[in-house]
Protein backbone atom coordinates (compact mmCIF):
# COMPACT_ATOMS: atom_id res chain seq x y z
CA UNK A 1 68.18 42.04 76.54
CA UNK A 2 69.40 40.56 80.25
CA UNK A 3 69.34 43.04 83.18
CA UNK A 4 70.91 43.17 86.32
CA UNK A 5 68.83 43.60 89.13
CA UNK A 6 67.95 47.14 90.21
CA UNK A 7 70.63 47.35 93.17
CA UNK A 8 74.04 48.70 93.58
CA UNK A 9 76.75 46.40 92.51
CA UNK A 10 80.60 46.33 93.59
CA UNK A 11 83.33 46.87 91.18
CA UNK A 12 85.86 44.29 91.76
CA UNK A 13 89.44 45.85 91.90
CA UNK A 14 92.38 43.82 92.51
CA UNK A 15 93.37 45.35 95.97
CA UNK A 16 89.68 44.37 96.96
CA UNK A 17 89.72 40.39 95.96
CA UNK A 18 89.97 39.06 99.53
CA UNK A 19 87.77 41.70 100.96
CA UNK A 20 84.94 40.89 98.20
CA UNK A 21 85.40 36.94 98.92
CA UNK A 22 85.33 37.31 102.51
CA UNK A 23 82.48 40.02 103.25
CA UNK A 24 79.40 38.94 104.80
CA UNK A 25 77.92 41.90 102.58
CA UNK A 26 76.47 40.22 99.70
CA UNK A 27 76.33 42.49 96.53
CA UNK A 28 73.49 42.40 94.39
CA UNK A 29 75.98 42.00 91.23
CA UNK A 30 79.70 42.38 90.45
CA UNK A 31 81.48 44.33 87.60
CA UNK A 32 84.95 43.70 86.32
CA UNK A 33 87.02 45.42 83.67
CA UNK A 34 86.65 42.71 80.79
CA UNK A 35 90.40 43.10 79.83
CA UNK A 36 91.65 42.10 83.25
CA UNK A 37 90.09 38.45 82.70
CA UNK A 38 91.55 38.04 79.04
CA UNK A 39 94.15 35.26 80.11
CA UNK A 40 92.10 32.23 80.05
CA UNK A 41 92.09 30.07 83.20
CA UNK A 42 94.25 30.50 86.19
CA UNK A 43 93.57 32.58 89.56
CA UNK A 44 91.63 35.25 87.63
CA UNK A 45 89.19 33.02 86.20
CA UNK A 46 88.93 30.90 89.52
CA UNK A 47 87.92 34.36 91.17
CA UNK A 48 85.27 35.11 88.47
CA UNK A 49 83.91 31.61 88.82
CA UNK A 50 83.30 31.92 92.63
CA UNK A 51 81.94 35.43 92.15
CA UNK A 52 79.89 34.21 89.29
CA UNK A 53 78.23 31.72 92.10
CA UNK A 54 77.27 34.26 94.42
CA UNK A 55 75.73 36.97 92.00
CA UNK A 56 75.50 38.19 88.54
CA UNK A 57 78.56 39.59 86.67
CA UNK A 58 78.75 42.42 84.22
CA UNK A 59 81.66 42.74 82.15
CA UNK A 60 83.03 46.18 81.43
CA UNK A 61 85.32 46.65 78.48
CA UNK A 62 87.83 49.52 77.94
CA UNK A 63 89.81 48.68 75.35
CA UNK A 64 87.40 48.03 72.01
CA UNK A 65 87.75 51.24 70.74
CA UNK A 66 84.28 51.10 69.15
CA UNK A 67 84.87 54.54 67.32
CA UNK A 68 88.46 54.12 65.92
CA UNK A 69 88.49 54.27 62.08
CA UNK A 70 91.06 51.17 62.03
CA UNK A 71 89.23 47.71 61.58
CA UNK A 72 87.78 46.26 64.70
CA UNK A 73 90.43 44.64 66.62
CA UNK A 74 89.45 41.05 65.99
CA UNK A 75 91.95 39.34 68.49
CA UNK A 76 90.66 41.56 71.28
CA UNK A 77 86.85 40.62 70.48
CA UNK A 78 87.73 36.92 70.22
CA UNK A 79 88.95 37.33 73.82
CA UNK A 80 86.01 38.98 74.96
CA UNK A 81 83.85 36.41 73.32
CA UNK A 82 85.71 33.60 74.92
CA UNK A 83 85.27 35.58 78.07
CA UNK A 84 81.35 35.79 77.64
CA UNK A 85 80.89 32.50 76.39
CA UNK A 86 82.57 31.09 79.64
CA UNK A 87 80.96 33.14 82.36
CA UNK A 88 78.05 34.37 80.51
CA UNK A 89 77.50 37.56 82.23
CA UNK A 90 74.06 39.31 82.70
CA UNK A 91 75.42 42.40 80.93
CA UNK A 92 78.49 43.63 78.78
CA UNK A 93 79.28 46.82 78.19
CA UNK A 94 81.87 49.10 76.12
CA UNK A 95 82.33 53.15 75.48
CA UNK A 96 81.33 55.28 72.89
CA UNK A 97 84.77 56.42 72.02
CA UNK A 98 88.13 56.04 69.90
CA UNK A 99 91.26 54.98 70.89
CA UNK A 100 93.74 54.21 68.57
CA UNK A 101 94.80 54.82 64.63
CA UNK A 102 97.17 53.38 62.24
CA UNK A 103 99.04 51.17 65.31
CA UNK A 104 99.29 53.93 67.58
CA UNK A 105 97.23 53.29 70.75
CA UNK A 106 96.54 56.12 73.19
CA UNK A 107 95.32 53.95 76.38
CA UNK A 108 92.68 56.89 76.61
CA UNK A 109 88.68 57.12 76.00
CA UNK A 110 88.83 59.61 73.21
CA UNK A 111 85.77 61.54 72.32
CA UNK A 112 83.98 60.90 69.23
CA UNK A 113 82.57 63.68 66.63
CA UNK A 114 78.87 64.37 67.34
CA UNK A 115 77.96 63.87 63.60
CA UNK A 116 75.65 61.51 61.30
CA UNK A 117 78.74 59.99 59.92
CA UNK A 118 80.11 59.11 63.36
CA UNK A 119 76.45 57.57 64.30
CA UNK A 120 76.65 55.51 61.37
CA UNK A 121 80.17 54.21 62.08
CA UNK A 122 79.55 53.59 65.35
CA UNK A 123 76.40 51.65 64.99
CA UNK A 124 77.68 49.32 62.17
CA UNK A 125 80.65 48.29 64.52
CA UNK A 126 78.25 47.77 67.36
CA UNK A 127 75.99 45.57 65.30
CA UNK A 128 79.30 43.55 64.26
CA UNK A 129 80.26 43.00 67.99
CA UNK A 130 76.79 42.03 69.07
CA UNK A 131 76.63 39.65 66.32
CA UNK A 132 79.84 38.12 67.41
CA UNK A 133 78.70 37.87 70.93
CA UNK A 134 75.21 36.79 69.89
CA UNK A 135 73.97 39.48 72.62
CA UNK A 136 72.70 43.16 72.80
CA UNK A 137 75.78 45.27 74.56
CA UNK A 138 75.76 48.58 76.53
CA UNK A 139 77.52 51.73 75.27
CA UNK A 140 78.80 53.86 77.68
CA UNK A 141 78.85 58.20 77.27
CA UNK A 142 82.32 59.20 78.08
CA UNK A 143 83.59 62.37 79.78
CA UNK A 144 85.09 64.69 77.16
CA UNK A 145 87.19 67.41 77.70
CA UNK A 146 86.87 69.02 73.88
CA UNK A 147 84.48 69.56 71.28
CA UNK A 148 84.75 69.16 67.70
CA UNK A 149 84.12 72.46 65.57
CA UNK A 150 82.34 70.14 63.17
CA UNK A 151 79.70 68.60 65.64
CA UNK A 152 76.20 68.74 64.28
CA UNK A 153 74.32 67.13 66.92
CA UNK A 154 73.87 67.52 70.89
CA UNK A 155 75.62 64.74 72.96
CA UNK A 156 72.41 63.16 73.85
CA UNK A 157 71.03 63.28 70.38
CA UNK A 158 74.05 61.77 69.36
CA UNK A 159 74.00 58.79 72.13
CA UNK A 160 70.23 58.29 71.26
CA UNK A 161 70.84 57.81 67.55
CA UNK A 162 73.68 55.21 68.08
CA UNK A 163 71.85 53.26 70.45
CA UNK A 164 68.65 53.15 68.43
CA UNK A 165 70.37 52.42 65.01
CA UNK A 166 72.61 49.75 66.49
CA UNK A 167 69.74 48.33 68.54
CA UNK A 168 72.10 48.34 71.77
CA UNK A 169 71.66 49.24 75.32
CA UNK A 170 72.96 52.30 77.13
CA UNK A 171 75.16 52.42 80.30
CA UNK A 172 74.08 55.97 81.40
CA UNK A 173 77.43 57.54 83.33
CA UNK A 174 75.79 60.14 85.31
CA UNK A 175 78.92 61.78 86.60
CA UNK A 176 80.21 61.93 82.95
CA UNK A 177 77.11 63.95 82.45
CA UNK A 178 77.82 66.29 85.07
CA UNK A 179 81.65 66.63 84.11
CA UNK A 180 80.64 67.36 80.64
CA UNK A 181 77.69 69.69 81.10
CA UNK A 182 80.35 71.87 83.44
CA UNK A 183 82.98 71.83 80.88
CA UNK A 184 80.81 72.39 77.77
CA UNK A 185 77.92 74.74 79.28
CA UNK A 186 74.90 72.55 78.83
CA UNK A 187 72.08 71.59 81.15
CA UNK A 188 72.61 68.21 82.33
CA UNK A 189 68.82 67.66 82.85
CA UNK A 190 68.62 68.19 79.01
CA UNK A 191 70.73 65.29 78.66
CA UNK A 192 68.77 62.98 80.68
CA UNK A 193 65.33 63.83 79.26
CA UNK A 194 66.93 63.48 75.75
CA UNK A 195 68.45 59.63 76.29
CA UNK A 196 65.84 56.96 75.60
CA UNK A 197 64.99 55.57 79.39
CA UNK A 198 64.20 52.22 78.16
CA UNK A 199 67.67 51.34 76.49
CA UNK A 200 69.21 52.50 80.23
CA UNK A 201 70.31 49.08 81.86
CA UNK A 202 72.99 50.44 84.05
CA UNK A 203 73.94 53.38 85.88
CA UNK A 204 77.99 54.63 86.81
CA UNK A 205 78.64 57.18 89.39
CA UNK A 206 82.25 58.34 90.11
CA UNK A 207 84.36 60.81 92.01
CA UNK A 208 85.62 63.76 89.74
CA UNK A 209 88.32 66.63 90.73
CA UNK A 210 88.05 70.07 90.04
CA UNK A 211 90.73 72.11 88.17
CA UNK A 212 91.01 75.80 87.29
CA UNK A 213 89.82 75.29 83.47
CA UNK A 214 86.70 72.86 84.55
CA UNK A 215 85.99 69.08 85.71
CA UNK A 216 87.99 66.08 85.28
CA UNK A 217 86.60 62.59 85.68
CA UNK A 218 89.01 60.57 88.12
CA UNK A 219 87.34 57.79 89.82
CA UNK A 220 89.67 58.43 92.97
CA UNK A 221 87.20 59.56 95.51
CA UNK A 222 83.60 59.81 96.70
CA UNK A 223 80.30 60.81 94.59
CA UNK A 224 80.00 64.57 94.52
CA UNK A 225 76.72 66.21 96.03
CA UNK A 226 75.74 67.45 92.62
CA UNK A 227 76.09 64.32 91.03
CA UNK A 228 74.09 62.32 93.72
CA UNK A 229 71.46 65.18 92.72
CA UNK A 230 71.59 64.29 89.27
CA UNK A 231 71.60 60.59 89.98
CA UNK A 232 68.10 60.79 91.75
CA UNK A 233 66.98 62.85 88.59
CA UNK A 234 68.15 59.97 86.17
CA UNK A 235 66.05 57.34 88.47
CA UNK A 236 63.03 59.65 88.35
CA UNK A 237 63.34 59.59 84.37
CA UNK A 238 64.71 55.86 84.10
CA UNK A 239 63.20 54.15 87.02
CA UNK A 240 64.99 51.75 89.18
CA UNK A 241 68.44 50.83 87.44
CA UNK A 242 71.31 48.75 88.31
CA UNK A 243 74.18 51.30 89.78
CA UNK A 244 77.86 50.92 90.35
CA UNK A 245 80.03 53.60 92.11
CA UNK A 246 83.38 53.44 90.32
CA UNK A 247 86.40 53.84 92.38
CA UNK A 248 89.87 53.00 90.41
CA UNK A 249 92.37 54.82 91.95
CA UNK A 250 93.57 56.00 95.18
CA UNK A 251 90.88 53.10 96.68
CA UNK A 252 89.64 53.46 99.82
CA UNK A 253 88.60 50.85 102.28
CA UNK A 254 86.13 48.26 101.13
CA UNK A 255 83.80 49.69 103.71
CA UNK A 256 83.71 52.78 102.19
CA UNK A 257 82.90 51.32 98.59
CA UNK A 258 79.88 49.59 100.36
CA UNK A 259 78.72 52.56 102.05
CA UNK A 260 78.61 54.52 98.60
CA UNK A 261 76.65 51.30 97.28
CA UNK A 262 74.29 51.73 100.30
CA UNK A 263 73.75 55.27 99.53
CA UNK A 264 72.67 54.24 95.76
CA UNK A 265 70.60 51.19 97.05
CA UNK A 266 68.70 53.91 99.13
CA UNK A 267 67.88 56.12 96.27
CA UNK A 268 66.78 53.13 94.29
CA UNK A 269 64.79 51.69 96.92
CA UNK A 270 63.06 55.19 97.17
CA UNK A 271 62.44 55.46 93.32
CA UNK A 272 60.80 51.85 93.34
CA UNK A 273 58.40 52.74 96.23
CA UNK A 274 57.26 55.73 94.78
CA UNK A 275 56.55 53.94 91.38
């Protein structure tokens, strides 16, 4: 499996396109949401061509709904395949979730039940995606605001089983681990030690909001101190891994994103020196 360099990348959003192109700071890699570039050609593809000349690309999908009971969306998969074939990204990722059923689309990353049946369902579909793309993909653990009464596995056992049976990589979202641990009452470090470190090829960090009932993953602010602490623990477990600070709403000045990335780079460098 191709890996991104173990440095902080930049998530490229439309509001920052010109900042990205004109910045004198060269990120180690770039990540974009795959679906934003499904229309072949035009200015969007020209932008990606320019970025691909400067640094490796990571394509991060939010709409394939790997866990849905409906058949895989073949049109969606073909558009993704066209994107992969043209840009040859270093990594391609999606989420361990479902999002549509019987023609209804939620536009949300809805949580899976943690059962053996769901493991087999996801593994089968991930293998089909990998076969079409001709490469391994990464799958990401998602923020969950409910649990299913018929769960039989812990979240980390579920994630590990999916990755092993699908033979795919893991995009470890440390912020989502923190959110879920607080919302569902488990020790976040149990999750870290329970995941297959050798399959972790990317890490996500993000901001969240505190509600009366718990935490919600919002990607609209800086990374919280507790998440930075958990990130340091994740690096101790996995070693230096390509890291992205996600910021999708209430976008700040571009320099703020660079500063968050620099903080991740400092921890990555410290981990590498220690190793």
